[in-house]
């Protein structure tokens, strides 16, 4: 079956900034390097080739990946991709995501599949180069409440634990009780047995959340050559030492990002920079570093350093410094031979604030690509949609707007009073001409009467629409039911539902179908029939 689609701009789920980026508006042109087209990757490759020509960086990266994978079984393709990263003709395509429990919302899959598929497409167009898909695990995040749950068939499953430090280091030993509850919901089908084993092997057989997530992502996507990277590494952060010191001493990231924010004054700002965009981390601690009275303090603690002490700590223990949302992209691009970052609309919006900072540090700014977005629809739901004669642009509408639209379509009466309003306005045009020839006090009476009669027509139109909704209540309820199934809680399916719900119905075909159907550079919202 063909894949239907709707443009991101028409979907109504992307900000004005992202819509203008996709339309390549002049207002945002200077906030990115190259727009994501297959042709522009040639220039990006050439720029990154010059900017990332240090073989030692590649050796460190491969050595670290080999260490991180030491207790994991990996596919031949993933192993090959890790080795290829030593080669100067090899580049990465990267996506990043939090360590959401059991992948969290569906778009976790779409991010990684966009990354895998873009690498395939680039290899076809630029066969002399190699392209490696990388999933950057956000192991240093500390907002546990954002990741400790997922939704399955409209039920929220939450992991009740306490986490104060980097979530990647959080122990998974207390997930046994959670697993028992979730297991009951899955049933006993073959697909359920697979999900039960996948959850158990991921979380109950690994000691922390980073290892559990690596196992899970590797099981789902290892055969496609996905390489999973944890940036919480001493050896990787050693390469970032000059940038950490610059941040502590001069706060250039703050200055440069603020310059970009000024250029974005017509848009909503996604993130605002701190004076210092670094955290101090230990196993049970991740707190902001604050410059105060000449010293460096760790927020909400008694930890404090002089300038000399903190610079020495950067040299001896760079792993204690964690970049925040502003500096993490710079860290990523410093250590990776990366061409493109793939993310959701919110992520791309904050990346658009960062180019001036990258330029200052002379680090190549990656091509920014919106990940694939998807609505999955079953054959049964597609049959309902067809019978109700609803197109996809209509289904993406706000529910109230959709109901009004379908009521007018179902009704045998013309509910649009535009013609009557136009006729009324023409009648009052004649009265306005009389006003010009008589006392000015008459103008107020005419204007008031015009407003009153137009308002009366509008009220009649609303009352007729309300009456027709009652007449067509059965059809409208079917419309509402279908939209609620595809847009749970009046939001995007991909932001609410977990992949397990669809795997239960479709098994391995779920990932296979997504790999086959999704086109990363299409920049359309895909509707995929399962």
Protein backbone atom coordinates (compact mmCIF):
# COMPACT_ATOMS: atom_id res chain seq x y z
CA UNK A 1 0.00 0.00 0.00
CA UNK A 2 1.28 3.50 -0.73
CA UNK A 3 2.18 5.84 2.09
CA UNK A 4 -0.02 8.92 2.43
CA UNK A 5 1.46 12.12 3.78
CA UNK A 6 0.80 15.70 4.80
CA UNK A 7 3.42 18.46 4.86
CA UNK A 8 4.84 19.41 8.25
CA UNK A 9 3.72 22.98 7.62
CA UNK A 10 0.08 21.94 7.04
CA UNK A 11 -0.04 19.50 9.94
CA UNK A 12 -0.43 22.24 12.53
CA UNK A 13 2.03 20.56 14.90
CA UNK A 14 5.16 22.57 14.11
CA UNK A 15 6.14 26.05 15.28
CA UNK A 16 6.40 29.09 13.03
CA UNK A 17 10.20 28.91 13.34
CA UNK A 18 10.29 25.34 12.05
CA UNK A 19 7.79 26.13 9.29
CA UNK A 20 9.96 29.06 8.17
CA UNK A 21 13.06 26.85 8.33
CA UNK A 22 11.39 24.26 6.13
CA UNK A 23 10.32 27.01 3.73
CA UNK A 24 13.91 28.34 3.73
CA UNK A 25 12.73 31.81 4.66
CA UNK A 26 15.34 34.58 4.56
CA UNK A 27 14.64 35.38 8.24
CA UNK A 28 16.35 32.17 9.38
CA UNK A 29 18.89 31.55 6.59
CA UNK A 30 21.92 32.71 8.59
CA UNK A 31 21.03 30.42 11.51
CA UNK A 32 22.05 27.22 9.74
CA UNK A 33 24.80 25.98 7.47
CA UNK A 34 23.29 23.87 4.67
CA UNK A 35 19.64 23.00 4.16
CA UNK A 36 18.96 19.22 4.19
CA UNK A 37 18.96 18.21 0.53
CA UNK A 38 20.91 15.29 -0.91
CA UNK A 39 22.95 17.72 -3.04
CA UNK A 40 23.96 19.87 -0.05
CA UNK A 41 25.54 16.90 1.70
CA UNK A 42 28.44 17.11 -0.76
CA UNK A 43 29.42 20.54 0.59
CA UNK A 44 28.87 19.36 4.15
CA UNK A 45 31.17 16.37 3.61
CA UNK A 46 33.91 18.60 2.21
CA UNK A 47 33.66 21.05 5.12
CA UNK A 48 33.66 18.34 7.79
CA UNK A 49 36.52 16.56 6.06
CA UNK A 50 38.69 19.66 6.51
CA UNK A 51 37.45 20.39 10.02
CA UNK A 52 37.73 16.82 11.34
CA UNK A 53 41.06 15.67 9.94
CA UNK A 54 42.65 14.54 13.19
CA UNK A 55 43.16 10.76 13.09
CA UNK A 56 43.69 10.69 16.87
CA UNK A 57 40.07 11.79 17.39
CA UNK A 58 38.86 8.83 15.35
CA UNK A 59 41.13 6.43 17.24
CA UNK A 60 39.80 7.70 20.58
CA UNK A 61 36.20 7.43 19.38
CA UNK A 62 36.60 3.85 18.14
CA UNK A 63 38.52 2.81 21.26
CA UNK A 64 35.74 4.24 23.46
CA UNK A 65 33.00 2.53 21.46
CA UNK A 66 34.82 -0.80 21.71
CA UNK A 67 34.98 -0.35 25.50
CA UNK A 68 31.30 0.58 25.72
CA UNK A 69 30.27 -2.50 23.72
CA UNK A 70 32.61 -4.94 25.49
CA UNK A 71 29.82 -6.92 27.22
CA UNK A 72 27.34 -6.76 24.34
CA UNK A 73 26.74 -9.01 21.38
CA UNK A 74 26.70 -6.84 18.30
CA UNK A 75 25.82 -7.44 14.67
CA UNK A 76 28.43 -7.78 11.97
CA UNK A 77 27.21 -4.51 10.45
CA UNK A 78 27.50 -2.56 13.72
CA UNK A 79 30.97 -4.00 14.28
CA UNK A 80 31.93 -3.01 10.75
CA UNK A 81 30.55 0.51 11.24
CA UNK A 82 32.57 1.00 14.43
CA UNK A 83 35.74 -0.03 12.59
CA UNK A 84 34.89 2.21 9.63
CA UNK A 85 34.92 5.26 11.91
CA UNK A 86 38.73 5.06 11.85
CA UNK A 87 38.60 5.81 8.13
CA UNK A 88 38.83 9.46 7.04
CA UNK A 89 36.17 8.75 4.40
CA UNK A 90 33.63 7.75 7.06
CA UNK A 91 31.11 10.19 8.49
CA UNK A 92 28.28 9.88 10.96
CA UNK A 93 24.62 10.84 10.99
CA UNK A 94 23.46 11.34 14.56
CA UNK A 95 20.26 11.45 16.53
CA UNK A 96 19.97 11.77 20.28
CA UNK A 97 17.31 10.84 22.78
CA UNK A 98 16.68 10.56 26.48
CA UNK A 99 16.83 7.18 28.21
CA UNK A 100 13.05 6.85 28.32
CA UNK A 101 11.76 3.70 29.97
CA UNK A 102 11.15 1.02 27.30
CA UNK A 103 11.87 3.66 24.59
CA UNK A 104 9.15 6.03 25.85
CA UNK A 105 7.03 7.55 23.05
CA UNK A 106 6.93 6.11 19.53
CA UNK A 107 9.09 8.79 17.98
CA UNK A 108 12.15 7.13 19.54
CA UNK A 109 11.83 4.63 16.68
CA UNK A 110 11.29 7.32 14.07
CA UNK A 111 14.43 9.22 15.10
CA UNK A 112 16.65 6.17 14.78
CA UNK A 113 15.03 4.92 11.56
CA UNK A 114 15.44 8.38 10.00
CA UNK A 115 19.14 8.16 10.88
CA UNK A 116 19.57 4.65 9.49
CA UNK A 117 17.72 5.43 6.28
CA UNK A 118 19.59 8.66 5.65
CA UNK A 119 22.90 6.75 5.87
CA UNK A 120 21.60 4.32 3.25
CA UNK A 121 20.49 7.14 0.97
CA UNK A 122 23.82 8.96 1.29
CA UNK A 123 25.76 5.78 0.47
CA UNK A 124 23.78 5.45 -2.77
CA UNK A 125 24.52 9.05 -3.74
CA UNK A 126 28.10 9.23 -2.45
CA UNK A 127 29.44 5.66 -2.73
CA UNK A 128 33.06 6.75 -2.21
CA UNK A 129 32.23 7.61 1.42
CA UNK A 130 30.90 5.60 4.37
CA UNK A 131 28.03 6.71 6.59
CA UNK A 132 27.40 5.44 10.10
CA UNK A 133 24.10 5.91 12.00
CA UNK A 134 24.69 6.95 15.61
CA UNK A 135 22.27 7.10 18.52
CA UNK A 136 23.63 9.44 21.18
CA UNK A 137 22.24 8.36 24.55
CA UNK A 138 21.44 11.32 26.79
CA UNK A 139 22.91 9.53 29.80
CA UNK A 140 23.88 12.72 31.65
CA UNK A 141 20.36 14.14 31.81
CA UNK A 142 18.94 14.33 35.32
CA UNK A 143 15.24 15.00 34.79
CA UNK A 144 14.05 11.55 35.82
CA UNK A 145 10.37 12.54 35.80
CA UNK A 146 10.58 13.06 32.02
CA UNK A 147 11.74 9.52 31.32
CA UNK A 148 10.36 7.26 34.07
CA UNK A 149 7.10 6.34 32.32
CA UNK A 150 5.39 5.35 29.10
CA UNK A 151 1.83 4.89 27.87
CA UNK A 152 0.40 1.58 26.75
CA UNK A 153 -3.21 1.41 25.52
CA UNK A 154 -4.06 4.69 27.27
CA UNK A 155 -2.59 3.49 30.58
CA UNK A 156 0.42 5.22 32.10
CA UNK A 157 3.12 2.97 33.55
CA UNK A 158 5.55 4.74 35.87
CA UNK A 159 8.78 3.66 37.51
CA UNK A 160 8.77 5.03 41.06
CA UNK A 161 12.39 5.57 41.97
CA UNK A 162 14.59 8.40 43.24
CA UNK A 163 17.26 9.84 40.96
CA UNK A 164 19.41 12.89 41.73
CA UNK A 165 22.36 12.36 39.44
CA UNK A 166 22.87 11.48 35.77
CA UNK A 167 20.07 9.09 34.81
CA UNK A 168 22.41 6.80 32.86
CA UNK A 169 24.07 5.75 36.12
CA UNK A 170 20.74 4.95 37.83
CA UNK A 171 20.43 1.35 39.00
CA UNK A 172 17.67 -0.73 37.40
CA UNK A 173 17.60 -3.34 40.17
CA UNK A 174 14.23 -2.16 41.55
CA UNK A 175 12.31 -2.58 38.26
CA UNK A 176 11.14 -6.10 39.06
CA UNK A 177 7.80 -5.00 40.56
CA UNK A 178 7.17 -2.66 37.61
CA UNK A 179 7.91 -5.51 35.21
CA UNK A 180 5.34 -7.79 36.85
CA UNK A 181 2.60 -5.18 36.44
CA UNK A 182 3.44 -4.43 32.81
CA UNK A 183 3.82 -8.12 31.96
CA UNK A 184 0.18 -8.78 32.92
CA UNK A 185 -1.00 -6.18 30.42
CA UNK A 186 0.79 -7.79 27.48
CA UNK A 187 -0.95 -11.15 27.45
CA UNK A 188 0.54 -14.41 26.17
CA UNK A 189 0.81 -14.12 22.38
CA UNK A 190 4.11 -14.72 20.58
CA UNK A 191 4.60 -10.99 20.18
CA UNK A 192 3.85 -10.49 23.87
CA UNK A 193 6.46 -13.12 24.78
CA UNK A 194 9.03 -11.24 22.67
CA UNK A 195 8.23 -7.93 24.44
CA UNK A 196 8.36 -9.57 27.86
CA UNK A 197 11.78 -11.06 27.13
CA UNK A 198 13.03 -7.81 25.60
CA UNK A 199 12.02 -5.81 28.68
CA UNK A 200 13.39 -8.41 31.08
CA UNK A 201 16.72 -8.82 29.26
CA UNK A 202 17.14 -5.06 28.90
CA UNK A 203 16.30 -3.85 32.39
CA UNK A 204 16.55 -6.82 34.75
CA UNK A 205 19.79 -8.21 33.32
CA UNK A 206 21.72 -4.90 33.22
CA UNK A 207 22.92 -2.87 36.16
CA UNK A 208 22.06 0.68 35.11
CA UNK A 209 19.80 2.62 32.78
CA UNK A 210 22.53 3.40 30.23
CA UNK A 211 23.41 -0.28 29.77
CA UNK A 212 19.73 -1.26 29.68
CA UNK A 213 18.98 1.32 26.98
CA UNK A 214 22.00 0.30 24.93
CA UNK A 215 20.86 -3.31 25.01
CA UNK A 216 17.29 -2.38 24.07
CA UNK A 217 18.29 -0.13 21.14
CA UNK A 218 20.83 -2.71 19.98
CA UNK A 219 18.18 -5.45 19.98
CA UNK A 220 15.79 -3.33 17.95
CA UNK A 221 18.25 -1.81 15.48
CA UNK A 222 21.59 -3.61 15.72
CA UNK A 223 20.99 -5.54 12.50
CA UNK A 224 20.81 -2.20 10.65
CA UNK A 225 24.27 -1.20 11.84
CA UNK A 226 23.21 1.32 14.50
CA UNK A 227 26.10 2.49 16.70
CA UNK A 228 25.11 3.60 20.20
CA UNK A 229 27.30 6.14 21.98
CA UNK A 230 27.42 7.26 25.61
CA UNK A 231 29.05 10.68 25.94
CA UNK A 232 29.60 10.17 29.68
CA UNK A 233 33.23 9.24 29.12
CA UNK A 234 36.55 10.52 30.46
CA UNK A 235 38.45 9.86 27.21
CA UNK A 236 35.83 11.60 25.07
CA UNK A 237 35.61 14.58 27.39
CA UNK A 238 39.37 15.04 27.32
CA UNK A 239 38.89 16.30 23.76
CA UNK A 240 36.40 18.84 25.05
CA UNK A 241 38.71 20.31 27.71
CA UNK A 242 39.54 23.54 25.78
CA UNK A 243 35.83 24.25 25.34
CA UNK A 244 35.07 23.55 29.01
CA UNK A 245 37.79 26.00 30.04
CA UNK A 246 36.53 28.62 27.62
CA UNK A 247 33.06 28.25 29.10
CA UNK A 248 34.31 28.65 32.67
CA UNK A 249 36.61 31.59 31.95
CA UNK A 250 34.86 33.59 29.23
CA UNK A 251 31.24 32.33 28.89
CA UNK A 252 31.37 32.71 25.10
CA UNK A 253 28.50 30.31 24.51
CA UNK A 254 26.19 32.63 26.43
CA UNK A 255 27.30 35.65 24.40
CA UNK A 256 27.01 33.95 21.02
CA UNK A 257 23.65 32.29 21.65
CA UNK A 258 22.20 35.58 22.87
CA UNK A 259 23.33 37.15 19.59
CA UNK A 260 21.29 34.54 17.72
CA UNK A 261 18.28 34.97 20.00
CA UNK A 262 18.16 38.65 19.04
CA UNK A 263 17.80 37.54 15.40
CA UNK A 264 14.94 35.27 16.47
CA UNK A 265 12.91 38.06 18.06
CA UNK A 266 9.85 37.21 15.92
CA UNK A 267 9.78 33.61 17.17
CA UNK A 268 9.30 31.72 20.41
CA UNK A 269 12.67 30.89 21.95
CA UNK A 270 13.19 27.20 22.72
CA UNK A 271 15.98 27.52 25.31
CA UNK A 272 17.82 30.38 26.98
CA UNK A 273 21.54 30.08 27.78
CA UNK A 274 22.94 30.25 31.28
CA UNK A 275 26.00 32.31 32.14
CA UNK A 276 27.84 28.98 32.45
CA UNK A 277 26.30 26.11 30.51
CA UNK A 278 27.94 23.30 32.45
CA UNK A 279 26.88 20.95 35.21
CA UNK A 280 29.07 19.34 37.83
CA UNK A 281 28.32 15.61 38.05
CA UNK A 282 28.95 12.69 40.36
CA UNK A 283 26.94 9.47 40.75
CA UNK A 284 24.17 11.11 42.77
CA UNK A 285 24.69 14.70 41.78
CA UNK A 286 24.19 16.84 38.69
CA UNK A 287 24.01 20.54 39.51
CA UNK A 288 24.76 23.78 37.70
CA UNK A 289 28.13 25.48 38.04
CA UNK A 290 27.79 29.14 39.07
CA UNK A 291 30.47 31.86 38.91
CA UNK A 292 30.13 33.99 42.03
CA UNK A 293 32.53 36.40 43.76
CA UNK A 294 35.46 35.12 41.73
CA UNK A 295 34.89 31.48 42.68
CA UNK A 296 32.97 28.60 41.11
CA UNK A 297 30.15 27.08 43.14
CA UNK A 298 28.07 23.98 42.55
CA UNK A 299 24.43 24.98 42.94
CA UNK A 300 22.52 23.60 45.98
CA UNK A 301 25.73 22.20 47.50
CA UNK A 302 28.67 23.42 49.59
CA UNK A 303 31.14 22.47 46.83
CA UNK A 304 33.25 25.45 45.77
CA UNK A 305 36.44 25.97 43.74
CA UNK A 306 38.86 28.77 43.08
CA UNK A 307 39.63 29.46 39.42
CA UNK A 308 42.93 27.58 39.65
CA UNK A 309 41.27 24.62 41.38
CA UNK A 310 38.48 24.23 38.86
CA UNK A 311 40.82 24.53 35.86
CA UNK A 312 43.03 21.86 37.39
CA UNK A 313 39.96 19.65 37.91
CA UNK A 314 39.06 20.06 34.24
CA UNK A 315 42.51 18.70 33.32
CA UNK A 316 42.48 15.81 35.77
CA UNK A 317 38.77 14.87 35.80
CA UNK A 318 36.94 16.21 32.74
CA UNK A 319 34.23 13.57 33.29
CA UNK A 320 32.98 15.68 36.22
CA UNK A 321 31.82 18.38 33.80
CA UNK A 322 28.59 17.84 31.91
CA UNK A 323 27.45 20.12 29.07
CA UNK A 324 23.86 21.31 29.23
CA UNK A 325 21.41 21.60 26.32
CA UNK A 326 23.40 24.53 24.87
CA UNK A 327 26.87 22.97 24.99
CA UNK A 328 25.96 19.31 24.41
CA UNK A 329 25.61 19.82 20.62
CA UNK A 330 29.08 21.39 20.49
CA UNK A 331 30.54 18.47 22.47
CA UNK A 332 28.89 16.02 20.09
CA UNK A 333 30.26 17.71 16.97
CA UNK A 334 33.76 18.04 18.44
CA UNK A 335 34.12 14.30 19.05
CA UNK A 336 32.19 12.92 16.04
CA UNK A 337 32.84 13.08 12.27
CA UNK A 338 29.23 14.14 12.00
CA UNK A 339 27.37 15.57 9.00
CA UNK A 340 23.81 15.91 10.24
CA UNK A 341 21.78 15.98 13.41
CA UNK A 342 18.27 14.51 13.24
CA UNK A 343 15.73 15.64 15.81
CA UNK A 344 12.18 16.73 16.48
CA UNK A 345 10.86 20.23 15.91
CA UNK A 346 11.74 21.38 19.42
CA UNK A 347 15.32 20.14 19.13
CA UNK A 348 15.90 21.71 15.73
CA UNK A 349 14.48 24.98 17.10
CA UNK A 350 17.20 25.18 19.77
CA UNK A 351 19.93 24.06 17.36
CA UNK A 352 19.00 27.12 15.27
CA UNK A 353 20.16 29.24 18.22
CA UNK A 354 23.65 27.73 18.17
CA UNK A 355 25.35 28.43 14.84
CA UNK A 356 27.11 31.63 16.00
CA UNK A 357 28.61 29.64 18.90
CA UNK A 358 29.84 26.95 16.49
CA UNK A 359 31.32 29.59 14.20
CA UNK A 360 33.14 31.20 17.13
CA UNK A 361 34.71 27.86 18.08
CA UNK A 362 35.44 27.00 14.41
CA UNK A 363 33.48 23.73 14.59
CA UNK A 364 31.46 22.69 11.52
CA UNK A 365 27.74 23.19 12.08
CA UNK A 366 25.79 20.06 11.06
CA UNK A 367 22.89 19.88 8.64
CA UNK A 368 19.71 20.02 10.71
CA UNK A 369 17.05 17.52 9.67
CA UNK A 370 13.56 17.12 11.13
CA UNK A 371 13.05 13.45 11.97
CA UNK A 372 10.32 11.48 10.25
CA UNK A 373 6.91 11.88 11.86
CA UNK A 374 4.28 9.17 11.49
CA UNK A 375 0.68 8.26 12.18
CA UNK A 376 0.19 4.49 12.19
CA UNK A 377 -3.25 3.39 11.03
CA UNK A 378 -4.74 -0.11 11.00
CA UNK A 379 -6.73 -1.57 8.11
CA UNK A 380 -9.89 -1.29 10.24
CA UNK A 381 -9.26 2.38 10.96
CA UNK A 382 -8.49 3.06 7.29
CA UNK A 383 -11.83 1.49 6.32
CA UNK A 384 -13.60 3.77 8.82
CA UNK A 385 -11.79 6.81 7.43
CA UNK A 386 -12.80 5.93 3.89
CA UNK A 387 -16.47 5.36 4.80
CA UNK A 388 -16.62 8.66 6.66
CA UNK A 389 -14.95 10.39 3.72
CA UNK A 390 -12.37 12.17 5.87
CA UNK A 391 -9.06 13.19 4.30
CA UNK A 392 -5.84 13.49 6.27
CA UNK A 393 -5.71 17.28 6.29
CA UNK A 394 -9.11 17.16 8.00
CA UNK A 395 -7.99 14.57 10.56
CA UNK A 396 -5.08 16.82 11.57
CA UNK A 397 -7.47 19.68 12.38
CA UNK A 398 -8.37 20.67 15.93
CA UNK A 399 -11.37 18.54 16.93
CA UNK A 400 -13.81 21.44 17.24
CA UNK A 401 -12.84 22.68 13.76
CA UNK A 402 -13.16 19.16 12.36
CA UNK A 403 -16.65 18.69 13.82
CA UNK A 404 -17.85 22.01 12.41
CA UNK A 405 -16.42 21.12 9.00
CA UNK A 406 -17.94 17.63 8.88
CA UNK A 407 -21.33 18.91 10.11
CA UNK A 408 -21.45 21.30 7.16
CA UNK A 409 -20.45 18.48 4.80
CA UNK A 410 -23.04 16.04 6.20
CA UNK A 411 -25.84 18.60 6.25
CA UNK A 412 -28.27 19.01 3.36
CA UNK A 413 -28.69 22.65 4.42
CA UNK A 414 -26.23 25.40 3.53
CA UNK A 415 -24.99 26.50 6.97
CA UNK A 416 -22.69 29.16 5.54
CA UNK A 417 -24.41 32.56 5.74
CA UNK A 418 -21.64 34.38 3.86
CA UNK A 419 -24.01 35.23 1.01
CA UNK A 420 -26.58 36.72 3.38
CA UNK A 421 -23.89 38.72 5.16
CA UNK A 422 -22.61 40.08 1.86
CA UNK A 423 -26.17 41.06 0.84
CA UNK A 424 -26.69 42.83 4.18
CA UNK A 425 -23.41 44.75 3.83
CA UNK A 426 -24.46 45.96 0.36
CA UNK A 427 -27.73 47.26 1.80
CA UNK A 428 -25.84 49.18 4.44
CA UNK A 429 -23.47 50.61 1.83
CA UNK A 430 -26.46 52.56 0.49
CA UNK A 431 -27.27 53.79 4.01
CA UNK A 432 -23.65 54.90 4.49
CA UNK A 433 -24.01 57.06 1.35
CA UNK A 434 -27.08 58.70 2.90
CA UNK A 435 -25.03 59.37 6.06
CA UNK A 436 -22.66 61.53 4.00
CA UNK A 437 -25.58 63.76 2.96
CA UNK A 438 -27.21 64.25 6.36
CA UNK A 439 -26.44 64.93 10.00
CA UNK A 440 -23.38 63.08 11.36
CA UNK A 441 -25.35 61.82 14.37
CA UNK A 442 -27.17 59.50 11.97
CA UNK A 443 -23.88 57.65 11.28
CA UNK A 444 -23.76 56.18 14.78
CA UNK A 445 -27.26 54.74 14.43
CA UNK A 446 -26.43 53.16 11.05
CA UNK A 447 -23.16 51.63 12.30
CA UNK A 448 -24.84 50.23 15.38
CA UNK A 449 -27.68 48.72 13.34
CA UNK A 450 -25.21 47.16 10.87
CA UNK A 451 -23.23 45.51 13.67
CA UNK A 452 -26.43 44.31 15.34
CA UNK A 453 -27.83 42.69 12.20
CA UNK A 454 -24.50 41.08 11.24
CA UNK A 455 -24.20 39.73 14.78
CA UNK A 456 -27.73 38.40 14.49
CA UNK A 457 -26.84 36.51 11.31
CA UNK A 458 -23.75 35.08 12.98
CA UNK A 459 -25.82 33.89 15.93
CA UNK A 460 -28.37 32.29 13.60
CA UNK A 461 -25.54 30.57 11.75
CA UNK A 462 -24.17 29.20 15.04
CA UNK A 463 -27.60 28.02 16.16
CA UNK A 464 -28.21 26.29 12.83
CA UNK A 465 -24.80 24.59 13.07
CA UNK A 466 -25.62 23.43 16.61
CA UNK A 467 -28.98 22.08 15.46
CA UNK A 468 -27.40 20.19 12.57
CA UNK A 469 -24.84 18.63 14.92
CA UNK A 470 -27.74 17.02 16.77
CA UNK A 471 -29.18 15.72 13.50
CA UNK A 472 -25.87 14.12 12.49
CA UNK A 473 -24.72 13.06 15.99
CA UNK A 474 -24.18 9.39 15.05
CA UNK A 475 -21.85 10.17 12.13
CA UNK A 476 -20.03 12.86 14.12
CA UNK A 477 -19.42 10.47 17.02
CA UNK A 478 -17.75 8.06 14.59
CA UNK A 479 -15.56 10.92 13.34
CA UNK A 480 -14.61 11.84 16.91
CA UNK A 481 -13.89 8.22 17.81
CA UNK A 482 -11.58 7.77 14.82
CA UNK A 483 -9.68 10.99 15.49
CA UNK A 484 -9.31 10.10 19.18
CA UNK A 485 -7.88 6.70 18.24
CA UNK A 486 -5.30 8.25 15.90
CA UNK A 487 -4.61 11.35 18.01
CA UNK A 488 -4.81 10.13 21.63
CA UNK A 489 -5.62 12.89 24.15
CA UNK A 490 -5.89 15.26 21.16
CA UNK A 491 -2.16 14.97 20.63
CA UNK A 492 0.13 13.18 18.21
CA UNK A 493 0.15 9.40 18.46
CA UNK A 494 3.96 9.42 18.26
CA UNK A 495 4.19 11.59 21.39
CA UNK A 496 1.76 9.53 23.49
CA UNK A 497 1.93 5.84 22.55
CA UNK A 498 4.72 3.33 23.15
CA UNK A 499 6.00 1.05 20.39
CA UNK A 500 4.97 -2.05 22.37
CA UNK A 501 1.29 -1.36 21.68
CA UNK A 502 1.91 -1.64 17.93
CA UNK A 503 4.47 -4.43 18.21
CA UNK A 504 1.86 -6.50 20.01
CA UNK A 505 -0.35 -6.31 16.91
CA UNK A 506 2.28 -6.33 14.15
CA UNK A 507 5.40 -7.98 15.54
CA UNK A 508 8.69 -7.56 13.67
CA UNK A 509 6.74 -6.18 10.71
CA UNK A 510 6.47 -2.88 12.61
CA UNK A 511 10.17 -1.96 12.29
CA UNK A 512 10.51 -3.59 8.85
CA UNK A 513 7.62 -1.53 7.49
CA UNK A 514 8.95 1.71 8.97
CA UNK A 515 12.42 1.07 7.56
CA UNK A 516 10.89 0.42 4.15
CA UNK A 517 8.42 3.33 4.06
CA UNK A 518 10.16 6.28 5.72
CA UNK A 519 12.08 8.75 3.56
CA UNK A 520 14.20 11.00 5.77
CA UNK A 521 14.55 13.89 3.32
CA UNK A 522 10.87 14.01 2.34
CA UNK A 523 10.02 16.26 5.31
CA UNK A 524 6.39 15.19 5.30
CA UNK A 525 4.20 13.70 8.02
CA UNK A 526 3.78 10.08 6.90
CA UNK A 527 0.62 8.01 7.34
CA UNK A 528 1.53 4.34 7.32
CA UNK A 529 -1.09 1.59 7.09
CA UNK A 530 -0.17 -1.47 9.13
